[in-house]
Amino acid sequence: MEERKKEIIREYLFETLAIALNSYPNLTVEEQELLYRIIDNKIQEFEVKL
């Protein structure tokens, strides 16, 4: 059950990343990478809390 909760949160956050990247098509590669790292860090924070 716990592992499934983590997977759902991980999927949700990656979908959020995809939406964010698609919402700002003019982002540079550097800005996209920064956004990805920010969301990836949030995923890791949630995994630690769970």
PDB file of N, CA and C in Angstrom:
ATOM      1  N   MET A   1       0.829  -1.200   0.000  1.00  0.00           N
ATOM      2  CA  MET A   1       0.000   0.000   0.000  1.00  0.00           C
ATOM      3  C   MET A   1       0.871   1.261   0.000  1.00  0.00           C
ATOM      4  N   GLU A   2       1.863   1.283   0.876  1.00  0.00           N
ATOM      5  CA  GLU A   2       2.751   2.455   0.951  1.00  0.00           C
ATOM      6  C   GLU A   2       3.478   2.678  -0.371  1.00  0.00           C
ATOM      7  N   GLU A   3       3.941   1.596  -0.958  1.00  0.00           N
ATOM      8  CA  GLU A   3       4.673   1.716  -2.224  1.00  0.00           C
ATOM      9  C   GLU A   3       3.758   2.259  -3.317  1.00  0.00           C
ATOM     10  N   ARG A   4       2.503   1.854  -3.302  1.00  0.00           N
ATOM     11  CA  ARG A   4       1.541   2.340  -4.300  1.00  0.00           C
ATOM     12  C   ARG A   4       1.294   3.828  -4.110  1.00  0.00           C
ATOM     13  N   LYS A   5       1.200   4.289  -2.849  1.00  0.00           N
ATOM     14  CA  LYS A   5       1.011   5.719  -2.580  1.00  0.00           C
ATOM     15  C   LYS A   5       2.180   6.516  -3.140  1.00  0.00           C
ATOM     16  N   LYS A   6       3.387   6.019  -2.926  1.00  0.00           N
ATOM     17  CA  LYS A   6       4.572   6.705  -3.444  1.00  0.00           C
ATOM     18  C   LYS A   6       4.533   6.774  -4.964  1.00  0.00           C
ATOM     19  N   GLU A   7       4.128   5.678  -5.585  1.00  0.00           N
ATOM     20  CA  GLU A   7       4.071   5.629  -7.048  1.00  0.00           C
ATOM     21  C   GLU A   7       3.047   6.625  -7.588  1.00  0.00           C
ATOM     22  N   ILE A   8       1.900   6.722  -6.933  1.00  0.00           N
ATOM     23  CA  ILE A   8       0.864   7.667  -7.356  1.00  0.00           C
ATOM     24  C   ILE A   8       1.377   9.095  -7.249  1.00  0.00           C
ATOM     25  N   ILE A   9       2.031   9.422  -6.151  1.00  0.00           N
ATOM     26  CA  ILE A   9       2.574  10.772  -5.965  1.00  0.00           C
ATOM     27  C   ILE A   9       3.638  11.056  -7.016  1.00  0.00           C
ATOM     28  N   ARG A  10       4.507  10.097  -7.257  1.00  0.00           N
ATOM     29  CA  ARG A  10       5.569  10.251  -8.257  1.00  0.00           C
ATOM     30  C   ARG A  10       4.960  10.517  -9.640  1.00  0.00           C
ATOM     31  N   GLU A  11       3.950   9.733 -10.010  1.00  0.00           N
ATOM     32  CA  GLU A  11       3.293   9.919 -11.305  1.00  0.00           C
ATOM     33  C   GLU A  11       2.638  11.296 -11.397  1.00  0.00           C
ATOM     34  N   TYR A  12       1.977  11.703 -10.324  1.00  0.00           N
ATOM     35  CA  TYR A  12       1.309  13.007 -10.300  1.00  0.00           C
ATOM     36  C   TYR A  12       2.319  14.135 -10.494  1.00  0.00           C
ATOM     37  N   LEU A  13       3.435  14.063  -9.796  1.00  0.00           N
ATOM     38  CA  LEU A  13       4.427  15.128  -9.900  1.00  0.00           C
ATOM     39  C   LEU A  13       5.077  15.155 -11.281  1.00  0.00           C
ATOM     40  N   PHE A  14       5.315  14.008 -11.880  1.00  0.00           N
ATOM     41  CA  PHE A  14       5.874  14.003 -13.228  1.00  0.00           C
ATOM     42  C   PHE A  14       4.866  14.518 -14.245  1.00  0.00           C
ATOM     43  N   GLU A  15       3.586  14.237 -14.032  1.00  0.00           N
ATOM     44  CA  GLU A  15       2.559  14.808 -14.914  1.00  0.00           C
ATOM     45  C   GLU A  15       2.527  16.323 -14.760  1.00  0.00           C
ATOM     46  N   THR A  16       2.705  16.796 -13.533  1.00  0.00           N
ATOM     47  CA  THR A  16       2.765  18.236 -13.285  1.00  0.00           C
ATOM     48  C   THR A  16       3.939  18.850 -14.040  1.00  0.00           C
ATOM     49  N   LEU A  17       5.069  18.172 -14.042  1.00  0.00           N
ATOM     50  CA  LEU A  17       6.236  18.640 -14.786  1.00  0.00           C
ATOM     51  C   LEU A  17       5.923  18.729 -16.273  1.00  0.00           C
ATOM     52  N   ALA A  18       5.289  17.706 -16.812  1.00  0.00           N
ATOM     53  CA  ALA A  18       4.956  17.707 -18.240  1.00  0.00           C
ATOM     54  C   ALA A  18       4.022  18.861 -18.578  1.00  0.00           C
ATOM     55  N   ILE A  19       3.038  19.097 -17.730  1.00  0.00           N
ATOM     56  CA  ILE A  19       2.111  20.214 -17.948  1.00  0.00           C
ATOM     57  C   ILE A  19       2.863  21.533 -17.896  1.00  0.00           C
ATOM     58  N   ALA A  20       3.746  21.679 -16.914  1.00  0.00           N
ATOM     59  CA  ALA A  20       4.511  22.921 -16.780  1.00  0.00           C
ATOM     60  C   ALA A  20       5.376  23.159 -18.015  1.00  0.00           C
ATOM     61  N   LEU A  21       6.053  22.125 -18.478  1.00  0.00           N
ATOM     62  CA  LEU A  21       6.916  22.282 -19.654  1.00  0.00           C
ATOM     63  C   LEU A  21       6.100  22.606 -20.897  1.00  0.00           C
ATOM     64  N   ASN A  22       4.926  22.004 -21.039  1.00  0.00           N
ATOM     65  CA  ASN A  22       4.077  22.279 -22.200  1.00  0.00           C
ATOM     66  C   ASN A  22       3.415  23.646 -22.113  1.00  0.00           C
ATOM     67  N   SER A  23       3.248  24.160 -20.902  1.00  0.00           N
ATOM     68  CA  SER A  23       2.613  25.466 -20.718  1.00  0.00           C
ATOM     69  C   SER A  23       3.551  26.608 -21.094  1.00  0.00           C
ATOM     70  N   TYR A  24       4.836  26.328 -21.071  1.00  0.00           N
ATOM     71  CA  TYR A  24       5.833  27.351 -21.380  1.00  0.00           C
ATOM     72  C   TYR A  24       6.749  26.836 -22.491  1.00  0.00           C
ATOM     73  N   PRO A  25       6.255  26.793 -23.726  1.00  0.00           N
ATOM     74  CA  PRO A  25       7.039  26.204 -24.817  1.00  0.00           C
ATOM     75  C   PRO A  25       8.292  27.005 -25.174  1.00  0.00           C
ATOM     76  N   ASN A  26       8.370  28.240 -24.716  1.00  0.00           N
ATOM     77  CA  ASN A  26       9.527  29.069 -25.069  1.00  0.00           C
ATOM     78  C   ASN A  26      10.658  28.986 -24.047  1.00  0.00           C
ATOM     79  N   LEU A  27      10.559  28.066 -23.094  1.00  0.00           N
ATOM     80  CA  LEU A  27      11.635  27.917 -22.119  1.00  0.00           C
ATOM     81  C   LEU A  27      12.902  27.426 -22.821  1.00  0.00           C
ATOM     82  N   THR A  28      14.026  27.944 -22.356  1.00  0.00           N
ATOM     83  CA  THR A  28      15.299  27.444 -22.878  1.00  0.00           C
ATOM     84  C   THR A  28      15.545  26.053 -22.295  1.00  0.00           C
ATOM     85  N   VAL A  29      16.502  25.352 -22.856  1.00  0.00           N
ATOM     86  CA  VAL A  29      16.855  24.030 -22.338  1.00  0.00           C
ATOM     87  C   VAL A  29      17.284  24.148 -20.880  1.00  0.00           C
ATOM     88  N   GLU A  30      18.035  25.191 -20.557  1.00  0.00           N
ATOM     89  CA  GLU A  30      18.493  25.387 -19.184  1.00  0.00           C
ATOM     90  C   GLU A  30      17.314  25.593 -18.240  1.00  0.00           C
ATOM     91  N   GLU A  31      16.329  26.373 -18.670  1.00  0.00           N
ATOM     92  CA  GLU A  31      15.149  26.610 -17.838  1.00  0.00           C
ATOM     93  C   GLU A  31      14.332  25.332 -17.670  1.00  0.00           C
ATOM     94  N   GLN A  32      14.230  24.535 -18.736  1.00  0.00           N
ATOM     95  CA  GLN A  32      13.520  23.259 -18.639  1.00  0.00           C
ATOM     96  C   GLN A  32      14.228  22.320 -17.667  1.00  0.00           C
ATOM     97  N   GLU A  33      15.549  22.278 -17.741  1.00  0.00           N
ATOM     98  CA  GLU A  33      16.318  21.419 -16.842  1.00  0.00           C
ATOM     99  C   GLU A  33      16.167  21.872 -15.395  1.00  0.00           C
ATOM    100  N   LEU A  34      16.154  23.182 -15.176  1.00  0.00           N
ATOM    101  CA  LEU A  34      15.969  23.711 -13.828  1.00  0.00           C
ATOM    102  C   LEU A  34      14.599  23.320 -13.288  1.00  0.00           C
ATOM    103  N   LEU A  35      13.573  23.477 -14.099  1.00  0.00           N
ATOM    104  CA  LEU A  35      12.220  23.103 -13.696  1.00  0.00           C
ATOM    105  C   LEU A  35      12.158  21.609 -13.381  1.00  0.00           C
ATOM    106  N   TYR A  36      12.793  20.804 -14.205  1.00  0.00           N
ATOM    107  CA  TYR A  36      12.824  19.362 -13.970  1.00  0.00           C
ATOM    108  C   TYR A  36      13.506  19.054 -12.638  1.00  0.00           C
ATOM    109  N   ARG A  37      14.643  19.696 -12.369  1.00  0.00           N
ATOM    110  CA  ARG A  37      15.369  19.440 -11.117  1.00  0.00           C
ATOM    111  C   ARG A  37      14.549  19.855  -9.904  1.00  0.00           C
ATOM    112  N   ILE A  38      13.843  20.983 -10.010  1.00  0.00           N
ATOM    113  CA  ILE A  38      13.008  21.444  -8.897  1.00  0.00           C
ATOM    114  C   ILE A  38      11.936  20.404  -8.585  1.00  0.00           C
ATOM    115  N   ILE A  39      11.248  19.932  -9.612  1.00  0.00           N
ATOM    116  CA  ILE A  39      10.177  18.957  -9.382  1.00  0.00           C
ATOM    117  C   ILE A  39      10.760  17.623  -8.926  1.00  0.00           C
ATOM    118  N   ASP A  40      11.897  17.225  -9.475  1.00  0.00           N
ATOM    119  CA  ASP A  40      12.535  15.985  -9.039  1.00  0.00           C
ATOM    120  C   ASP A  40      12.919  16.069  -7.565  1.00  0.00           C
ATOM    121  N   ASN A  41      13.414  17.229  -7.130  1.00  0.00           N
ATOM    122  CA  ASN A  41      13.741  17.413  -5.715  1.00  0.00           C
ATOM    123  C   ASN A  41      12.494  17.300  -4.850  1.00  0.00           C
ATOM    124  N   LYS A  42      11.371  17.845  -5.324  1.00  0.00           N
ATOM    125  CA  LYS A  42      10.115  17.739  -4.580  1.00  0.00           C
ATOM    126  C   LYS A  42       9.677  16.279  -4.466  1.00  0.00           C
ATOM    127  N   ILE A  43       9.860  15.521  -5.540  1.00  0.00           N
ATOM    128  CA  ILE A  43       9.517  14.098  -5.501  1.00  0.00           C
ATOM    129  C   ILE A  43      10.347  13.405  -4.423  1.00  0.00           C
ATOM    130  N   GLN A  44      11.630  13.693  -4.387  1.00  0.00           N
ATOM    131  CA  GLN A  44      12.501  13.073  -3.393  1.00  0.00           C
ATOM    132  C   GLN A  44      12.096  13.477  -1.979  1.00  0.00           C
ATOM    133  N   GLU A  45      11.706  14.745  -1.772  1.00  0.00           N
ATOM    134  CA  GLU A  45      11.241  15.193  -0.459  1.00  0.00           C
ATOM    135  C   GLU A  45      10.006  14.412  -0.030  1.00  0.00           C
ATOM    136  N   PHE A  46       9.054  14.228  -0.943  1.00  0.00           N
ATOM    137  CA  PHE A  46       7.844  13.479  -0.619  1.00  0.00           C
ATOM    138  C   PHE A  46       8.173  12.030  -0.289  1.00  0.00           C
ATOM    139  N   GLU A  47       9.099  11.441  -1.035  1.00  0.00           N
ATOM    140  CA  GLU A  47       9.458  10.049  -0.780  1.00  0.00           C
ATOM    141  C   GLU A  47      10.068   9.893   0.603  1.00  0.00           C
ATOM    142  N   VAL A  48      10.842  10.864   1.040  1.00  0.00           N
ATOM    143  CA  VAL A  48      11.440  10.807   2.371  1.00  0.00           C
ATOM    144  C   VAL A  48      10.351  10.929   3.439  1.00  0.00           C
ATOM    145  N   LYS A  49       9.378  11.813   3.208  1.00  0.00           N
ATOM    146  CA  LYS A  49       8.305  12.024   4.183  1.00  0.00           C
ATOM    147  C   LYS A  49       7.377  10.827   4.289  1.00  0.00           C
ATOM    148  N   LEU A  50       7.207  10.099   3.182  1.00  0.00           N
ATOM    149  CA  LEU A  50       6.331   8.922   3.219  1.00  0.00           C
ATOM    150  C   LEU A  50       7.089   7.812   3.840  1.00  0.00           C
TER     151      LEU A  50
END
